[in-house]
Amino acid sequence: VAGFLALRLYSVLGKRTGHEQQPAPIQTDERAKVTVLQPRTSGD
């Protein structure tokens, strides 16, 4: 029974290989636009 459950779990989750699909990139019109002379936040 334990072996059967392990096989079922493997078939559902699969094995991570490092080549999983990455999140879709943000479309150009969704990215923050660079503005002239925009100050950068500083905690100094």
ModelCIF file with pLDDT and N, C-alpha, C, O atoms, coordinates in Angstrom:
data_MODEL
#
_entry.id   MODEL 
#
_entity.id                         1 
_entity.type                       polymer 
_entity.pdbx_number_of_molecules   1 
#
_entity_poly.entity_id                      1 
_entity_poly.type                           'polypeptide(L)' 
_entity_poly.nstd_linkage                   no 
_entity_poly.nstd_monomer                   no 
_entity_poly.pdbx_seq_one_letter_code       VAGFLALRLYSVLGKRTGHEQQPAPIQTDERAKVTVLQPRTSGD 
_entity_poly.pdbx_seq_one_letter_code_can   VAGFLALRLYSVLGKRTGHEQQPAPIQTDERAKVTVLQPRTSGD 
_entity_poly.pdbx_strand_id                 A 
#
loop_
_entity_poly_seq.entity_id 
_entity_poly_seq.num 
_entity_poly_seq.mon_id 
_entity_poly_seq.hetero 
1 1  VAL n 
1 2  ALA n 
1 3  GLY n 
1 4  PHE n 
1 5  LEU n 
1 6  ALA n 
1 7  LEU n 
1 8  ARG n 
1 9  LEU n 
1 10 TYR n 
1 11 SER n 
1 12 VAL n 
1 13 LEU n 
1 14 GLY n 
1 15 LYS n 
1 16 ARG n 
1 17 THR n 
1 18 GLY n 
1 19 HIS n 
1 20 GLU n 
1 21 GLN n 
1 22 GLN n 
1 23 PRO n 
1 24 ALA n 
1 25 PRO n 
1 26 ILE n 
1 27 GLN n 
1 28 THR n 
1 29 ASP n 
1 30 GLU n 
1 31 ARG n 
1 32 ALA n 
1 33 LYS n 
1 34 VAL n 
1 35 THR n 
1 36 VAL n 
1 37 LEU n 
1 38 GLN n 
1 39 PRO n 
1 40 ARG n 
1 41 THR n 
1 42 SER n 
1 43 GLY n 
1 44 ASP n 
#
_struct_asym.id          A 
_struct_asym.entity_id   1 
#
loop_
_ma_qa_metric.id 
_ma_qa_metric.mode 
_ma_qa_metric.name 
_ma_qa_metric.software_group_id 
_ma_qa_metric.type 
1 global pLDDT . pLDDT 
2 local  pLDDT . pLDDT 
#
_ma_qa_metric_global.metric_id      1 
_ma_qa_metric_global.metric_value   40.89 
_ma_qa_metric_global.model_id       1 
_ma_qa_metric_global.ordinal_id     1 
#
loop_
_ma_qa_metric_local.label_asym_id 
_ma_qa_metric_local.label_comp_id 
_ma_qa_metric_local.label_seq_id 
_ma_qa_metric_local.metric_id 
_ma_qa_metric_local.metric_value 
_ma_qa_metric_local.model_id 
_ma_qa_metric_local.ordinal_id 
A VAL 1  2 42.00 1 1  
A ALA 2  2 46.00 1 2  
A GLY 3  2 47.00 1 3  
A PHE 4  2 41.00 1 4  
A LEU 5  2 41.00 1 5  
A ALA 6  2 42.00 1 6  
A LEU 7  2 40.00 1 7  
A ARG 8  2 41.00 1 8  
A LEU 9  2 36.00 1 9  
A TYR 10 2 39.00 1 10 
A SER 11 2 38.00 1 11 
A VAL 12 2 37.00 1 12 
A LEU 13 2 36.00 1 13 
A GLY 14 2 39.00 1 14 
A LYS 15 2 37.00 1 15 
A ARG 16 2 35.00 1 16 
A THR 17 2 35.00 1 17 
A GLY 18 2 36.00 1 18 
A HIS 19 2 35.00 1 19 
A GLU 20 2 37.00 1 20 
A GLN 21 2 37.00 1 21 
A GLN 22 2 36.00 1 22 
A PRO 23 2 37.00 1 23 
A ALA 24 2 40.00 1 24 
A PRO 25 2 43.00 1 25 
A ILE 26 2 40.00 1 26 
A GLN 27 2 45.00 1 27 
A THR 28 2 40.00 1 28 
A ASP 29 2 42.00 1 29 
A GLU 30 2 41.00 1 30 
A ARG 31 2 39.00 1 31 
A ALA 32 2 36.00 1 32 
A LYS 33 2 38.00 1 33 
A VAL 34 2 37.00 1 34 
A THR 35 2 46.00 1 35 
A VAL 36 2 49.00 1 36 
A LEU 37 2 56.00 1 37 
A GLN 38 2 49.00 1 38 
A PRO 39 2 45.00 1 39 
A ARG 40 2 44.00 1 40 
A THR 41 2 43.00 1 41 
A SER 42 2 44.00 1 42 
A GLY 43 2 44.00 1 43 
A ASP 44 2 48.00 1 44 
#
loop_
_atom_site.group_PDB 
_atom_site.id 
_atom_site.type_symbol 
_atom_site.label_atom_id 
_atom_site.label_alt_id 
_atom_site.label_comp_id 
_atom_site.label_asym_id 
_atom_site.label_entity_id 
_atom_site.label_seq_id 
_atom_site.pdbx_PDB_ins_code 
_atom_site.Cartn_x 
_atom_site.Cartn_y 
_atom_site.Cartn_z 
_atom_site.occupancy 
_atom_site.B_iso_or_equiv 
_atom_site.pdbx_formal_charge 
_atom_site.auth_seq_id 
_atom_site.auth_comp_id 
_atom_site.auth_asym_id 
_atom_site.auth_atom_id 
_atom_site.pdbx_PDB_model_num 
ATOM 1   N N  . VAL A 1 1  ? 0.838  -1.204 0.000   1.00 42.00 ? 1  VAL A N  1 
ATOM 2   C CA . VAL A 1 1  ? 0.000  0.000  0.000   1.00 42.00 ? 1  VAL A CA 1 
ATOM 3   C C  . VAL A 1 1  ? 0.872  1.253  0.000   1.00 42.00 ? 1  VAL A C  1 
ATOM 4   O O  . VAL A 1 1  ? 0.601  2.191  -0.750  1.00 42.00 ? 1  VAL A O  1 
ATOM 5   N N  . ALA A 1 2  ? 1.935  1.281  0.846   1.00 46.00 ? 2  ALA A N  1 
ATOM 6   C CA . ALA A 1 2  ? 2.834  2.438  0.903   1.00 46.00 ? 2  ALA A CA 1 
ATOM 7   C C  . ALA A 1 2  ? 3.520  2.660  -0.435  1.00 46.00 ? 2  ALA A C  1 
ATOM 8   O O  . ALA A 1 2  ? 3.645  3.799  -0.886  1.00 46.00 ? 2  ALA A O  1 
ATOM 9   N N  . GLY A 1 3  ? 3.966  1.580  -1.078  1.00 47.00 ? 3  GLY A N  1 
ATOM 10  C CA . GLY A 1 3  ? 4.620  1.714  -2.380  1.00 47.00 ? 3  GLY A CA 1 
ATOM 11  C C  . GLY A 1 3  ? 3.685  2.243  -3.433  1.00 47.00 ? 3  GLY A C  1 
ATOM 12  O O  . GLY A 1 3  ? 4.074  3.061  -4.266  1.00 47.00 ? 3  GLY A O  1 
ATOM 13  N N  . PHE A 1 4  ? 2.431  1.774  -3.401  1.00 41.00 ? 4  PHE A N  1 
ATOM 14  C CA . PHE A 1 4  ? 1.450  2.247  -4.367  1.00 41.00 ? 4  PHE A CA 1 
ATOM 15  C C  . PHE A 1 4  ? 1.190  3.744  -4.201  1.00 41.00 ? 4  PHE A C  1 
ATOM 16  O O  . PHE A 1 4  ? 1.127  4.483  -5.183  1.00 41.00 ? 4  PHE A O  1 
ATOM 17  N N  . LEU A 1 5  ? 1.040  4.185  -2.945  1.00 41.00 ? 5  LEU A N  1 
ATOM 18  C CA . LEU A 1 5  ? 0.800  5.604  -2.686  1.00 41.00 ? 5  LEU A CA 1 
ATOM 19  C C  . LEU A 1 5  ? 1.980  6.455  -3.135  1.00 41.00 ? 5  LEU A C  1 
ATOM 20  O O  . LEU A 1 5  ? 1.784  7.549  -3.663  1.00 41.00 ? 5  LEU A O  1 
ATOM 21  N N  . ALA A 1 6  ? 3.198  5.970  -2.933  1.00 42.00 ? 6  ALA A N  1 
ATOM 22  C CA . ALA A 1 6  ? 4.393  6.710  -3.354  1.00 42.00 ? 6  ALA A CA 1 
ATOM 23  C C  . ALA A 1 6  ? 4.423  6.892  -4.863  1.00 42.00 ? 6  ALA A C  1 
ATOM 24  O O  . ALA A 1 6  ? 4.765  7.966  -5.357  1.00 42.00 ? 6  ALA A O  1 
ATOM 25  N N  . LEU A 1 7  ? 4.060  5.833  -5.602  1.00 40.00 ? 7  LEU A N  1 
ATOM 26  C CA . LEU A 1 7  ? 4.022  5.931  -7.060  1.00 40.00 ? 7  LEU A CA 1 
ATOM 27  C C  . LEU A 1 7  ? 2.963  6.919  -7.516  1.00 40.00 ? 7  LEU A C  1 
ATOM 28  O O  . LEU A 1 7  ? 3.190  7.678  -8.458  1.00 40.00 ? 7  LEU A O  1 
ATOM 29  N N  . ARG A 1 8  ? 1.803  6.918  -6.856  1.00 41.00 ? 8  ARG A N  1 
ATOM 30  C CA . ARG A 1 8  ? 0.749  7.860  -7.219  1.00 41.00 ? 8  ARG A CA 1 
ATOM 31  C C  . ARG A 1 8  ? 1.202  9.308  -6.971  1.00 41.00 ? 8  ARG A C  1 
ATOM 32  O O  . ARG A 1 8  ? 0.951  10.192 -7.790  1.00 41.00 ? 8  ARG A O  1 
ATOM 33  N N  . LEU A 1 9  ? 1.875  9.540  -5.828  1.00 36.00 ? 9  LEU A N  1 
ATOM 34  C CA . LEU A 1 9  ? 2.349  10.874 -5.503  1.00 36.00 ? 9  LEU A CA 1 
ATOM 35  C C  . LEU A 1 9  ? 3.366  11.348 -6.527  1.00 36.00 ? 9  LEU A C  1 
ATOM 36  O O  . LEU A 1 9  ? 3.336  12.508 -6.940  1.00 36.00 ? 9  LEU A O  1 
ATOM 37  N N  . TYR A 1 10 ? 4.264  10.465 -6.941  1.00 39.00 ? 10 TYR A N  1 
ATOM 38  C CA . TYR A 1 10 ? 5.277  10.798 -7.944  1.00 39.00 ? 10 TYR A CA 1 
ATOM 39  C C  . TYR A 1 10 ? 4.630  11.171 -9.267  1.00 39.00 ? 10 TYR A C  1 
ATOM 40  O O  . TYR A 1 10 ? 5.061  12.112 -9.933  1.00 39.00 ? 10 TYR A O  1 
ATOM 41  N N  . SER A 1 11 ? 3.580  10.419 -9.652  1.00 38.00 ? 11 SER A N  1 
ATOM 42  C CA . SER A 1 11 ? 2.937  10.678 -10.943 1.00 38.00 ? 11 SER A CA 1 
ATOM 43  C C  . SER A 1 11 ? 2.207  12.012 -10.950 1.00 38.00 ? 11 SER A C  1 
ATOM 44  O O  . SER A 1 11 ? 2.085  12.642 -12.001 1.00 38.00 ? 11 SER A O  1 
ATOM 45  N N  . VAL A 1 12 ? 1.714  12.457 -9.781  1.00 37.00 ? 12 VAL A N  1 
ATOM 46  C CA . VAL A 1 12 ? 0.977  13.710 -9.710  1.00 37.00 ? 12 VAL A CA 1 
ATOM 47  C C  . VAL A 1 12 ? 1.922  14.904 -9.667  1.00 37.00 ? 12 VAL A C  1 
ATOM 48  O O  . VAL A 1 12 ? 1.742  15.875 -10.401 1.00 37.00 ? 12 VAL A O  1 
ATOM 49  N N  . LEU A 1 13 ? 2.959  14.821 -8.777  1.00 36.00 ? 13 LEU A N  1 
ATOM 50  C CA . LEU A 1 13 ? 3.853  15.952 -8.589  1.00 36.00 ? 13 LEU A CA 1 
ATOM 51  C C  . LEU A 1 13 ? 5.001  15.985 -9.580  1.00 36.00 ? 13 LEU A C  1 
ATOM 52  O O  . LEU A 1 13 ? 5.504  17.059 -9.910  1.00 36.00 ? 13 LEU A O  1 
ATOM 53  N N  . GLY A 1 14 ? 5.417  14.832 -10.055 1.00 39.00 ? 14 GLY A N  1 
ATOM 54  C CA . GLY A 1 14 ? 6.565  14.781 -10.940 1.00 39.00 ? 14 GLY A CA 1 
ATOM 55  C C  . GLY A 1 14 ? 7.846  15.054 -10.177 1.00 39.00 ? 14 GLY A C  1 
ATOM 56  O O  . GLY A 1 14 ? 7.829  15.173 -8.952  1.00 39.00 ? 14 GLY A O  1 
ATOM 57  N N  . LYS A 1 15 ? 8.945  15.155 -10.884 1.00 37.00 ? 15 LYS A N  1 
ATOM 58  C CA . LYS A 1 15 ? 10.250 15.405 -10.284 1.00 37.00 ? 15 LYS A CA 1 
ATOM 59  C C  . LYS A 1 15 ? 10.804 16.696 -10.842 1.00 37.00 ? 15 LYS A C  1 
ATOM 60  O O  . LYS A 1 15 ? 10.842 16.867 -12.060 1.00 37.00 ? 15 LYS A O  1 
ATOM 61  N N  . ARG A 1 16 ? 11.254 17.656 -9.950  1.00 35.00 ? 16 ARG A N  1 
ATOM 62  C CA . ARG A 1 16 ? 11.792 18.944 -10.388 1.00 35.00 ? 16 ARG A CA 1 
ATOM 63  C C  . ARG A 1 16 ? 13.166 18.733 -11.003 1.00 35.00 ? 16 ARG A C  1 
ATOM 64  O O  . ARG A 1 16 ? 14.033 18.091 -10.411 1.00 35.00 ? 16 ARG A O  1 
ATOM 65  N N  . THR A 1 17 ? 13.355 19.284 -12.203 1.00 35.00 ? 17 THR A N  1 
ATOM 66  C CA . THR A 1 17 ? 14.618 19.098 -12.909 1.00 35.00 ? 17 THR A CA 1 
ATOM 67  C C  . THR A 1 17 ? 15.376 20.402 -13.081 1.00 35.00 ? 17 THR A C  1 
ATOM 68  O O  . THR A 1 17 ? 16.519 20.403 -13.538 1.00 35.00 ? 17 THR A O  1 
ATOM 69  N N  . GLY A 1 18 ? 14.743 21.519 -12.715 1.00 36.00 ? 18 GLY A N  1 
ATOM 70  C CA . GLY A 1 18 ? 15.383 22.814 -12.927 1.00 36.00 ? 18 GLY A CA 1 
ATOM 71  C C  . GLY A 1 18 ? 15.007 23.421 -14.259 1.00 36.00 ? 18 GLY A C  1 
ATOM 72  O O  . GLY A 1 18 ? 15.461 24.522 -14.568 1.00 36.00 ? 18 GLY A O  1 
ATOM 73  N N  . HIS A 1 19 ? 14.190 22.747 -15.067 1.00 35.00 ? 19 HIS A N  1 
ATOM 74  C CA . HIS A 1 19 ? 13.783 23.257 -16.384 1.00 35.00 ? 19 HIS A CA 1 
ATOM 75  C C  . HIS A 1 19 ? 12.278 23.483 -16.439 1.00 35.00 ? 19 HIS A C  1 
ATOM 76  O O  . HIS A 1 19 ? 11.691 23.493 -17.521 1.00 35.00 ? 19 HIS A O  1 
ATOM 77  N N  . GLU A 1 20 ? 11.650 23.664 -15.278 1.00 37.00 ? 20 GLU A N  1 
ATOM 78  C CA . GLU A 1 20 ? 10.219 23.914 -15.273 1.00 37.00 ? 20 GLU A CA 1 
ATOM 79  C C  . GLU A 1 20 ? 9.918  25.233 -15.969 1.00 37.00 ? 20 GLU A C  1 
ATOM 80  O O  . GLU A 1 20 ? 10.780 26.110 -16.039 1.00 37.00 ? 20 GLU A O  1 
ATOM 81  N N  . GLN A 1 21 ? 8.717  25.378 -16.479 1.00 37.00 ? 21 GLN A N  1 
ATOM 82  C CA . GLN A 1 21 ? 8.325  26.596 -17.172 1.00 37.00 ? 21 GLN A CA 1 
ATOM 83  C C  . GLN A 1 21 ? 8.355  27.771 -16.206 1.00 37.00 ? 21 GLN A C  1 
ATOM 84  O O  . GLN A 1 21 ? 7.789  27.701 -15.115 1.00 37.00 ? 21 GLN A O  1 
ATOM 85  N N  . GLN A 1 22 ? 9.016  28.849 -16.609 1.00 36.00 ? 22 GLN A N  1 
ATOM 86  C CA . GLN A 1 22 ? 9.101  30.039 -15.780 1.00 36.00 ? 22 GLN A CA 1 
ATOM 87  C C  . GLN A 1 22 ? 7.858  30.890 -15.986 1.00 36.00 ? 22 GLN A C  1 
ATOM 88  O O  . GLN A 1 22 ? 7.180  30.760 -17.005 1.00 36.00 ? 22 GLN A O  1 
ATOM 89  N N  . PRO A 1 23 ? 7.545  31.782 -15.006 1.00 37.00 ? 23 PRO A N  1 
ATOM 90  C CA . PRO A 1 23 ? 6.392  32.672 -15.187 1.00 37.00 ? 23 PRO A CA 1 
ATOM 91  C C  . PRO A 1 23 ? 6.547  33.514 -16.442 1.00 37.00 ? 23 PRO A C  1 
ATOM 92  O O  . PRO A 1 23 ? 7.654  33.912 -16.804 1.00 37.00 ? 23 PRO A O  1 
ATOM 93  N N  . ALA A 1 24 ? 5.446  33.776 -17.092 1.00 40.00 ? 24 ALA A N  1 
ATOM 94  C CA . ALA A 1 24 ? 5.479  34.559 -18.331 1.00 40.00 ? 24 ALA A CA 1 
ATOM 95  C C  . ALA A 1 24 ? 6.047  35.933 -18.056 1.00 40.00 ? 24 ALA A C  1 
ATOM 96  O O  . ALA A 1 24 ? 5.702  36.545 -17.045 1.00 40.00 ? 24 ALA A O  1 
ATOM 97  N N  . PRO A 1 25 ? 6.926  36.449 -18.942 1.00 43.00 ? 25 PRO A N  1 
ATOM 98  C CA . PRO A 1 25 ? 7.505  37.784 -18.724 1.00 43.00 ? 25 PRO A CA 1 
ATOM 99  C C  . PRO A 1 25 ? 6.444  38.857 -18.783 1.00 43.00 ? 25 PRO A C  1 
ATOM 100 O O  . PRO A 1 25 ? 5.435  38.710 -19.472 1.00 43.00 ? 25 PRO A O  1 
ATOM 101 N N  . ILE A 1 26 ? 6.672  39.940 -18.058 1.00 40.00 ? 26 ILE A N  1 
ATOM 102 C CA . ILE A 1 26 ? 5.750  41.067 -18.070 1.00 40.00 ? 26 ILE A CA 1 
ATOM 103 C C  . ILE A 1 26 ? 5.762  41.699 -19.451 1.00 40.00 ? 26 ILE A C  1 
ATOM 104 O O  . ILE A 1 26 ? 6.825  41.914 -20.034 1.00 40.00 ? 26 ILE A O  1 
ATOM 105 N N  . GLN A 1 27 ? 4.605  41.988 -19.960 1.00 45.00 ? 27 GLN A N  1 
ATOM 106 C CA . GLN A 1 27 ? 4.520  42.622 -21.262 1.00 45.00 ? 27 GLN A CA 1 
ATOM 107 C C  . GLN A 1 27 ? 5.098  44.027 -21.182 1.00 45.00 ? 27 GLN A C  1 
ATOM 108 O O  . GLN A 1 27 ? 5.119  44.642 -20.116 1.00 45.00 ? 27 GLN A O  1 
ATOM 109 N N  . THR A 1 28 ? 5.570  44.530 -22.325 1.00 40.00 ? 28 THR A N  1 
ATOM 110 C CA . THR A 1 28 ? 6.240  45.828 -22.373 1.00 40.00 ? 28 THR A CA 1 
ATOM 111 C C  . THR A 1 28 ? 5.385  46.933 -21.791 1.00 40.00 ? 28 THR A C  1 
ATOM 112 O O  . THR A 1 28 ? 5.893  47.784 -21.061 1.00 40.00 ? 28 THR A O  1 
ATOM 113 N N  . ASP A 1 29 ? 4.083  46.938 -22.099 1.00 42.00 ? 29 ASP A N  1 
ATOM 114 C CA . ASP A 1 29 ? 3.246  48.032 -21.650 1.00 42.00 ? 29 ASP A CA 1 
ATOM 115 C C  . ASP A 1 29 ? 2.894  47.938 -20.182 1.00 42.00 ? 29 ASP A C  1 
ATOM 116 O O  . ASP A 1 29 ? 2.283  48.854 -19.632 1.00 42.00 ? 29 ASP A O  1 
ATOM 117 N N  . GLU A 1 30 ? 3.284  46.805 -19.514 1.00 41.00 ? 30 GLU A N  1 
ATOM 118 C CA . GLU A 1 30 ? 3.012  46.649 -18.096 1.00 41.00 ? 30 GLU A CA 1 
ATOM 119 C C  . GLU A 1 30 ? 4.213  47.030 -17.252 1.00 41.00 ? 30 GLU A C  1 
ATOM 120 O O  . GLU A 1 30 ? 4.089  47.161 -16.034 1.00 41.00 ? 30 GLU A O  1 
ATOM 121 N N  . ARG A 1 31 ? 5.370  47.210 -17.867 1.00 39.00 ? 31 ARG A N  1 
ATOM 122 C CA . ARG A 1 31 ? 6.577  47.508 -17.118 1.00 39.00 ? 31 ARG A CA 1 
ATOM 123 C C  . ARG A 1 31 ? 6.619  48.970 -16.725 1.00 39.00 ? 31 ARG A C  1 
ATOM 124 O O  . ARG A 1 31 ? 6.071  49.838 -17.405 1.00 39.00 ? 31 ARG A O  1 
ATOM 125 N N  . ALA A 1 32 ? 7.285  49.219 -15.608 1.00 36.00 ? 32 ALA A N  1 
ATOM 126 C CA . ALA A 1 32 ? 7.416  50.604 -15.151 1.00 36.00 ? 32 ALA A CA 1 
ATOM 127 C C  . ALA A 1 32 ? 8.225  51.391 -16.172 1.00 36.00 ? 32 ALA A C  1 
ATOM 128 O O  . ALA A 1 32 ? 9.267  50.933 -16.640 1.00 36.00 ? 32 ALA A O  1 
ATOM 129 N N  . LYS A 1 33 ? 7.748  52.554 -16.505 1.00 38.00 ? 33 LYS A N  1 
ATOM 130 C CA . LYS A 1 33 ? 8.432  53.378 -17.495 1.00 38.00 ? 33 LYS A CA 1 
ATOM 131 C C  . LYS A 1 33 ? 9.513  54.205 -16.821 1.00 38.00 ? 33 LYS A C  1 
ATOM 132 O O  . LYS A 1 33 ? 9.313  54.746 -15.734 1.00 38.00 ? 33 LYS A O  1 
ATOM 133 N N  . VAL A 1 34 ? 10.656 54.295 -17.476 1.00 37.00 ? 34 VAL A N  1 
ATOM 134 C CA . VAL A 1 34 ? 11.755 55.097 -16.955 1.00 37.00 ? 34 VAL A CA 1 
ATOM 135 C C  . VAL A 1 34 ? 11.458 56.558 -17.215 1.00 37.00 ? 34 VAL A C  1 
ATOM 136 O O  . VAL A 1 34 ? 11.109 56.937 -18.333 1.00 37.00 ? 34 VAL A O  1 
ATOM 137 N N  . THR A 1 35 ? 11.596 57.384 -16.183 1.00 46.00 ? 35 THR A N  1 
ATOM 138 C CA . THR A 1 35 ? 11.326 58.799 -16.341 1.00 46.00 ? 35 THR A CA 1 
ATOM 139 C C  . THR A 1 35 ? 12.593 59.602 -16.128 1.00 46.00 ? 35 THR A C  1 
ATOM 140 O O  . THR A 1 35 ? 13.485 59.207 -15.377 1.00 46.00 ? 35 THR A O  1 
ATOM 141 N N  . VAL A 1 36 ? 12.652 60.739 -16.805 1.00 49.00 ? 36 VAL A N  1 
ATOM 142 C CA . VAL A 1 36 ? 13.842 61.579 -16.720 1.00 49.00 ? 36 VAL A CA 1 
ATOM 143 C C  . VAL A 1 36 ? 13.977 62.151 -15.313 1.00 49.00 ? 36 VAL A C  1 
ATOM 144 O O  . VAL A 1 36 ? 13.008 62.650 -14.743 1.00 49.00 ? 36 VAL A O  1 
ATOM 145 N N  . LEU A 1 37 ? 15.186 62.076 -14.758 1.00 56.00 ? 37 LEU A N  1 
ATOM 146 C CA . LEU A 1 37 ? 15.496 62.673 -13.471 1.00 56.00 ? 37 LEU A CA 1 
ATOM 147 C C  . LEU A 1 37 ? 14.671 62.097 -12.342 1.00 56.00 ? 37 LEU A C  1 
ATOM 148 O O  . LEU A 1 37 ? 14.373 62.795 -11.373 1.00 56.00 ? 37 LEU A O  1 
ATOM 149 N N  . GLN A 1 38 ? 14.298 60.836 -12.451 1.00 49.00 ? 38 GLN A N  1 
ATOM 150 C CA . GLN A 1 38 ? 13.525 60.232 -11.379 1.00 49.00 ? 38 GLN A CA 1 
ATOM 151 C C  . GLN A 1 38 ? 14.434 59.902 -10.206 1.00 49.00 ? 38 GLN A C  1 
ATOM 152 O O  . GLN A 1 38 ? 15.413 59.179 -10.391 1.00 49.00 ? 38 GLN A O  1 
ATOM 153 N N  . PRO A 1 39 ? 14.149 60.405 -8.996  1.00 45.00 ? 39 PRO A N  1 
ATOM 154 C CA . PRO A 1 39 ? 15.014 60.107 -7.857  1.00 45.00 ? 39 PRO A CA 1 
ATOM 155 C C  . PRO A 1 39 ? 14.846 58.680 -7.399  1.00 45.00 ? 39 PRO A C  1 
ATOM 156 O O  . PRO A 1 39 ? 13.770 58.102 -7.550  1.00 45.00 ? 39 PRO A O  1 
ATOM 157 N N  . ARG A 1 40 ? 15.886 58.108 -6.846  1.00 44.00 ? 40 ARG A N  1 
ATOM 158 C CA . ARG A 1 40 ? 15.859 56.749 -6.333  1.00 44.00 ? 40 ARG A CA 1 
ATOM 159 C C  . ARG A 1 40 ? 15.704 56.793 -4.827  1.00 44.00 ? 40 ARG A C  1 
ATOM 160 O O  . ARG A 1 40 ? 16.333 57.612 -4.157  1.00 44.00 ? 40 ARG A O  1 
ATOM 161 N N  . THR A 1 41 ? 14.863 55.906 -4.286  1.00 43.00 ? 41 THR A N  1 
ATOM 162 C CA . THR A 1 41 ? 14.652 55.869 -2.854  1.00 43.00 ? 41 THR A CA 1 
ATOM 163 C C  . THR A 1 41 ? 15.953 55.561 -2.142  1.00 43.00 ? 41 THR A C  1 
ATOM 164 O O  . THR A 1 41 ? 16.689 54.654 -2.533  1.00 43.00 ? 41 THR A O  1 
ATOM 165 N N  . SER A 1 42 ? 16.230 56.315 -1.103  1.00 44.00 ? 42 SER A N  1 
ATOM 166 C CA . SER A 1 42 ? 17.453 56.119 -0.348  1.00 44.00 ? 42 SER A CA 1 
ATOM 167 C C  . SER A 1 42 ? 17.157 56.211 1.125   1.00 44.00 ? 42 SER A C  1 
ATOM 168 O O  . SER A 1 42 ? 16.470 57.131 1.569   1.00 44.00 ? 42 SER A O  1 
ATOM 169 N N  . GLY A 1 43 ? 17.670 55.262 1.891   1.00 44.00 ? 43 GLY A N  1 
ATOM 170 C CA . GLY A 1 43 ? 17.446 55.270 3.315   1.00 44.00 ? 43 GLY A CA 1 
ATOM 171 C C  . GLY A 1 43 ? 18.577 55.921 4.065   1.00 44.00 ? 43 GLY A C  1 
ATOM 172 O O  . GLY A 1 43 ? 18.606 55.868 5.294   1.00 44.00 ? 43 GLY A O  1 
ATOM 173 N N  . ASP A 1 44 ? 19.515 56.536 3.363   1.00 48.00 ? 44 ASP A N  1 
ATOM 174 C CA . ASP A 1 44 ? 20.663 57.147 4.021   1.00 48.00 ? 44 ASP A CA 1 
ATOM 175 C C  . ASP A 1 44 ? 20.237 58.355 4.834   1.00 48.00 ? 44 ASP A C  1 
ATOM 176 O O  . ASP A 1 44 ? 21.074 59.003 5.462   1.00 48.00 ? 44 ASP A O  1 
#
